[in-house]
C-alpha atoms as a PDB file:
ATOM      1  CA  MET A   1      -8.119-118.049  51.171  1.00  0.00           C
ATOM      2  CA  THR A   2     -11.269-116.914  49.381  1.00  0.00           C
ATOM      3  CA  VAL A   3     -12.987-118.445  46.379  1.00  0.00           C
ATOM      4  CA  VAL A   4     -15.067-116.151  44.279  1.00  0.00           C
ATOM      5  CA  GLY A   5     -18.302-117.453  42.784  1.00  0.00           C
ATOM      6  CA  THR A   6     -20.790-115.602  40.642  1.00  0.00           C
ATOM      7  CA  ALA A   7     -24.209-115.042  42.129  1.00  0.00           C
ATOM      8  CA  GLY A   8     -25.957-113.604  39.179  1.00  0.00           C
ATOM      9  CA  ARG A   9     -25.447-110.799  36.767  1.00  0.00           C
ATOM     10  CA  GLY A  10     -23.068-108.129  38.058  1.00  0.00           C
ATOM     11  CA  LEU A  11     -22.672-109.540  41.599  1.00  0.00           C
ATOM     12  CA  VAL A  12     -19.987-111.714  43.161  1.00  0.00           C
ATOM     13  CA  ASP A  13     -20.256-113.884  46.303  1.00  0.00           C
ATOM     14  CA  ASP A  14     -17.255-114.191  48.581  1.00  0.00           C
ATOM     15  CA  VAL A  15     -17.126-117.794  49.764  1.00  0.00           C
ATOM     16  CA  GLY A  16     -14.312-119.097  51.941  1.00  0.00           C
ATOM     17  CA  VAL A  17     -12.492-122.413  51.356  1.00  0.00           C
ATOM     18  CA  ASP A  18     -14.379-124.005  54.228  1.00  0.00           C
ATOM     19  CA  GLY A  19     -17.714-123.007  52.630  1.00  0.00           C
ATOM     20  CA  ARG A  20     -18.531-120.094  54.909  1.00  0.00           C
ATOM     21  CA  GLU A  21     -19.438-116.768  53.387  1.00  0.00           C
ATOM     22  CA  GLY A  22     -16.691-114.201  53.925  1.00  0.00           C
ATOM     23  CA  GLY A  23     -18.295-110.877  53.291  1.00  0.00           C
ATOM     24  CA  GLY A  24     -21.479-111.097  51.368  1.00  0.00           C
ATOM     25  CA  ARG A  25     -22.061-109.665  47.926  1.00  0.00           C
ATOM     26  CA  ARG A  26     -19.920-107.053  46.254  1.00  0.00           C
ATOM     27  CA  PRO A  27     -20.014-105.498  42.768  1.00  0.00           C
ATOM     28  CA  ASP A  28     -18.413-107.441  39.961  1.00  0.00           C
ATOM     29  CA  PRO A  29     -15.173-105.668  38.935  1.00  0.00           C
ATOM     30  CA  GLU A  30     -15.691-106.612  35.283  1.00  0.00           C
ATOM     31  CA  VAL A  31     -18.288-104.147  34.146  1.00  0.00           C
ATOM     32  CA  GLU A  32     -20.245-104.956  31.030  1.00  0.00           C
ATOM     33  CA  PRO A  33     -19.956-102.258  28.364  1.00  0.00           C
ATOM     34  CA  LYS A  34     -23.016-100.107  27.829  1.00  0.00           C
ATOM     35  CA  ALA A  35     -24.876-100.842  24.646  1.00  0.00           C
ATOM     36  CA  ARG A  36     -24.726 -98.000  22.149  1.00  0.00           C
ATOM     37  CA  ARG A  37     -27.011 -97.511  19.194  1.00  0.00           C
ATOM     38  CA  ARG A  38     -25.253 -97.670  15.859  1.00  0.00           C
ATOM     39  CA  SER A  39     -25.437 -94.678  13.566  1.00  0.00           C
ATOM     40  CA  PHE A  40     -24.724 -94.639   9.859  1.00  0.00           C
ATOM     41  CA  SER A  41     -23.751 -91.729   7.641  1.00  0.00           C
ATOM     42  CA  ALA A  42     -25.872 -90.812   4.645  1.00  0.00           C
ATOM     43  CA  ALA A  43     -23.030 -91.711   2.283  1.00  0.00           C
ATOM     44  CA  TYR A  44     -22.740 -95.175   3.856  1.00  0.00           C
ATOM     45  CA  LYS A  45     -26.496 -95.737   3.596  1.00  0.00           C
ATOM     46  CA  LEU A  46     -26.546 -94.757  -0.079  1.00  0.00           C
ATOM     47  CA  ARG A  47     -23.512 -96.930  -0.837  1.00  0.00           C
ATOM     48  CA  VAL A  48     -25.041 -99.998   0.835  1.00  0.00           C
ATOM     49  CA  LEU A  49     -28.420 -99.391  -0.830  1.00  0.00           C
ATOM     50  CA  THR A  50     -26.899 -99.227  -4.309  1.00  0.00           C
ATOM     51  CA  GLU A  51     -24.739-102.290  -3.624  1.00  0.00           C
ATOM     52  CA  TYR A  52     -27.731-104.218  -2.220  1.00  0.00           C
ATOM     53  CA  GLU A  53     -29.977-103.307  -5.147  1.00  0.00           C
ATOM     54  CA  ALA A  54     -27.264-104.177  -7.691  1.00  0.00           C
ATOM     55  CA  ALA A  55     -26.621-107.613  -6.135  1.00  0.00           C
ATOM     56  CA  PRO A  56     -28.320-110.640  -7.683  1.00  0.00           C
ATOM     57  CA  ASP A  57     -31.106-112.253  -5.668  1.00  0.00           C
ATOM     58  CA  GLY A  58     -28.884-114.885  -4.051  1.00  0.00           C
ATOM     59  CA  GLN A  59     -26.222-112.387  -2.968  1.00  0.00           C
ATOM     60  CA  LYS A  60     -28.369-109.768  -1.192  1.00  0.00           C
ATOM     61  CA  GLY A  61     -28.214-111.666   2.095  1.00  0.00           C
ATOM     62  CA  ALA A  62     -24.421-111.821   1.817  1.00  0.00           C
ATOM     63  CA  VAL A  63     -24.264-108.031   1.581  1.00  0.00           C
ATOM     64  CA  LEU A  64     -26.377-107.718   4.717  1.00  0.00           C
ATOM     65  CA  ARG A  65     -24.282-110.275   6.620  1.00  0.00           C
ATOM     66  CA  ARG A  66     -21.013-108.641   5.586  1.00  0.00           C
ATOM     67  CA  GLU A  67     -22.213-105.216   6.745  1.00  0.00           C
ATOM     68  CA  HIS A  68     -23.911-106.635   9.884  1.00  0.00           C
ATOM     69  CA  LEU A  69     -27.279-105.188   8.857  1.00  0.00           C
ATOM     70  CA  TYR A  70     -30.884-106.336   8.831  1.00  0.00           C
ATOM     71  CA  SER A  71     -33.365-106.150   5.991  1.00  0.00           C
ATOM     72  CA  ALA A  72     -35.298-103.598   8.090  1.00  0.00           C
ATOM     73  CA  HIS A  73     -32.356-101.216   7.674  1.00  0.00           C
ATOM     74  CA  ILE A  74     -32.697-101.458   3.909  1.00  0.00           C
ATOM     75  CA  VAL A  75     -36.460-100.867   4.062  1.00  0.00           C
ATOM     76  CA  GLU A  76     -36.081 -97.756   6.246  1.00  0.00           C
ATOM     77  CA  TRP A  77     -33.202 -96.388   4.193  1.00  0.00           C
ATOM     78  CA  ARG A  78     -35.195 -96.822   0.972  1.00  0.00           C
ATOM     79  CA  LYS A  79     -38.113 -94.893   2.469  1.00  0.00           C
ATOM     80  CA  ALA A  80     -35.751 -92.133   3.575  1.00  0.00           C
ATOM     81  CA  ARG A  81     -34.115 -91.997   0.142  1.00  0.00           C
ATOM     82  CA  GLU A  82     -37.476 -91.754  -1.602  1.00  0.00           C
ATOM     83  CA  ALA A  83     -38.551 -88.986   0.767  1.00  0.00           C
ATOM     84  CA  GLY A  84     -35.332 -87.116  -0.021  1.00  0.00           C
ATOM     85  CA  ALA A  85     -34.075 -87.305   3.543  1.00  0.00           C
ATOM     86  CA  LEU A  86     -30.766 -88.946   2.681  1.00  0.00           C
ATOM     87  CA  ALA A  87     -29.850 -86.135   0.315  1.00  0.00           C
ATOM     88  CA  GLY A  88     -30.435 -83.638   3.113  1.00  0.00           C
ATOM     89  CA  LEU A  89     -28.391 -85.700   5.567  1.00  0.00           C
ATOM     90  CA  SER A  90     -25.333 -85.585   3.359  1.00  0.00           C
ATOM     91  CA  LYS A  91     -24.899 -81.863   4.002  1.00  0.00           C
ATOM     92  CA  PRO A  92     -22.246 -81.101   6.620  1.00  0.00           C
ATOM     93  CA  LYS A  93     -23.475 -80.344  10.098  1.00  0.00           C
ATOM     94  CA  GLY A  94     -23.126 -76.940  11.686  1.00  0.00           C
ATOM     95  CA  ARG A  95     -23.272 -73.444  10.383  1.00  0.00           C
ATOM     96  CA  PRO A  96     -22.997 -73.018   6.624  1.00  0.00           C
ATOM     97  CA  PRO A  97     -19.797 -71.347   5.464  1.00  0.00           C
ATOM     98  CA  VAL A  98     -20.015 -67.580   5.178  1.00  0.00           C
ATOM     99  CA  ASP A  99     -19.954 -66.208   1.650  1.00  0.00           C
ATOM    100  CA  ASP A 100     -17.355 -63.531   0.833  1.00  0.00           C
ATOM    101  CA  ARG A 101     -20.130 -61.274  -0.446  1.00  0.00           C
ATOM    102  CA  ASP A 102     -21.895 -61.534   2.905  1.00  0.00           C
ATOM    103  CA  LYS A 103     -18.693 -60.543   4.709  1.00  0.00           C
ATOM    104  CA  GLU A 104     -18.228 -57.551   2.413  1.00  0.00           C
ATOM    105  CA  LEU A 105     -21.876 -56.549   2.835  1.00  0.00           C
ATOM    106  CA  GLU A 106     -21.587 -56.655   6.625  1.00  0.00           C
ATOM    107  CA  LYS A 107     -18.389 -54.584   6.480  1.00  0.00           C
ATOM    108  CA  LEU A 108     -20.058 -51.966   4.280  1.00  0.00           C
ATOM    109  CA  ARG A 109     -23.095 -51.796   6.558  1.00  0.00           C
ATOM    110  CA  ALA A 110     -20.871 -51.166   9.582  1.00  0.00           C
ATOM    111  CA  GLN A 111     -18.966 -48.478   7.681  1.00  0.00           C
ATOM    112  CA  ASN A 112     -22.243 -46.875   6.584  1.00  0.00           C
ATOM    113  CA  ALA A 113     -23.517 -46.769  10.180  1.00  0.00           C
ATOM    114  CA  LYS A 114     -20.263 -45.146  11.321  1.00  0.00           C
ATOM    115  CA  LEU A 115     -20.435 -42.491   8.589  1.00  0.00           C
ATOM    116  CA  GLU A 116     -24.088 -41.734   9.381  1.00  0.00           C
ATOM    117  CA  LYS A 117     -23.104 -41.153  13.015  1.00  0.00           C
ATOM    118  CA  GLU A 118     -20.330 -38.769  11.973  1.00  0.00           C
ATOM    119  CA  LEU A 119     -22.714 -36.948   9.619  1.00  0.00           C
ATOM    120  CA  ALA A 120     -25.268 -36.478  12.406  1.00  0.00           C
ATOM    121  CA  LYS A 121     -22.515 -35.076  14.638  1.00  0.00           C
ATOM    122  CA  ALA A 122     -21.331 -32.680  11.901  1.00  0.00           C
ATOM    123  CA  GLN A 123     -24.903 -31.480  11.264  1.00  0.00           C
ATOM    124  CA  PHE A 124     -25.317 -30.815  14.991  1.00  0.00           C
ATOM    125  CA  VAL A 125     -22.097 -28.747  15.031  1.00  0.00           C
ATOM    126  CA  ILE A 126     -23.249 -26.766  11.954  1.00  0.00           C
ATOM    127  CA  ASP A 127     -26.620 -26.057  13.598  1.00  0.00           C
ATOM    128  CA  VAL A 128     -24.915 -24.863  16.784  1.00  0.00           C
ATOM    129  CA  GLN A 129     -22.520 -22.651  14.802  1.00  0.00           C
ATOM    130  CA  GLY A 130     -25.444 -21.156  12.869  1.00  0.00           C
ATOM    131  CA  LYS A 131     -27.319 -20.383  16.096  1.00  0.00           C
ATOM    132  CA  LEU A 132     -24.170 -18.905  17.635  1.00  0.00           C
ATOM    133  CA  ALA A 133     -23.635 -16.679  14.564  1.00  0.00           C
ATOM    134  CA  ALA A 134     -27.254 -15.490  14.750  1.00  0.00           C
ATOM    135  CA  LEU A 135     -26.889 -14.763  18.475  1.00  0.00           C
ATOM    136  CA  LEU A 136     -23.657 -12.813  17.961  1.00  0.00           C
ATOM    137  CA  GLU A 137     -25.280 -10.843  15.162  1.00  0.00           C
ATOM    138  CA  LYS A 138     -28.229  -9.983  17.376  1.00  0.00           C
ATOM    139  CA  LEU A 139     -25.908  -8.912  20.175  1.00  0.00           C
ATOM    140  CA  SER A 140     -23.864  -6.757  17.809  1.00  0.00           C
ATOM    141  CA  GLU A 141     -27.054  -5.003  16.616  1.00  0.00           C
ATOM    142  CA  GLY A 142     -27.927  -4.012  20.175  1.00  0.00           C
ATOM    143  CA  ALA A 143     -24.459  -2.643  20.956  1.00  0.00           C
ATOM    144  CA  PRO A 144     -23.818   1.148  20.507  1.00  0.00           C
ATOM    145  CA  GLU A 145     -22.148   2.205  17.293  1.00  0.00           C
ATOM    146  CA  GLY A 146     -18.582   3.394  17.329  1.00  0.00           C
ATOM    147  CA  ASN A 147     -15.665   2.584  19.542  1.00  0.00           C
ATOM    148  CA  PRO A 148     -16.573   1.646  23.009  1.00  0.00           C
ATOM    149  CA  THR A 149     -14.632   3.426  25.697  1.00  0.00           C
ATOM    150  CA  PRO A 150     -12.101   1.259  27.362  1.00  0.00           C
ATOM    151  CA  PRO A 151     -12.380   0.879  31.085  1.00  0.00           C
ATOM    152  CA  ASN A 152     -10.480   3.319  33.186  1.00  0.00           C
ATOM    153  CA  THR A 153      -6.978   2.272  33.771  1.00  0.00           C
ATOM    154  CA  PRO A 154      -4.672   4.265  35.944  1.00  0.00           C
ATOM    155  CA  ASN A 155      -1.812   5.781  34.019  1.00  0.00           C
ATOM    156  CA  GLY A 156       0.974   6.166  35.954  1.00  0.00           C
END
C-alpha cells in the first residue's frame, strides 16, 4: 500500500506504509489551470464607466466589487475613452462589408476589360484583312489581262 504526500508545488512523493520511499517523485495528476488575462469588450467598458460615474460616492466601490474590477481599470478605460480608442474598438473585427456599388463597379471593370480584349482582336483581324486585300489587288495588277489559258487536259 502506498501513501501519497505532497512534496511541493506540482510534485508528489510516493511513500510506502512502512515509511520507505516507493518510487521517488512523479508529476501531480491535478494540473493547475493556466492563468489567462481577462479581456473586456468596448461596449462592456463603456457600460461600466457610465455606471461607475453615475454611482454616488459610497457606491462606486460596490460597482467595482460586483464586476470584479480594480480602480486602475476605470482609470485606463477613461483615458482610452477620452482618446477616442473605445469608439474605434466598438467596430466589428475583420474585413468591412462590401458595398453593392463596389461589387457592381468591379463587375463593370471586368466586363470592360473583356470588351477591350475583343476590340483589340477585331482590330487585328480588320488590319489583316486590309493587308490581304491590298496584296490581292497588287497581285491582280501584275497578272495578264484576259482569260488565262487553262492547263492542258487530255480530252479523251
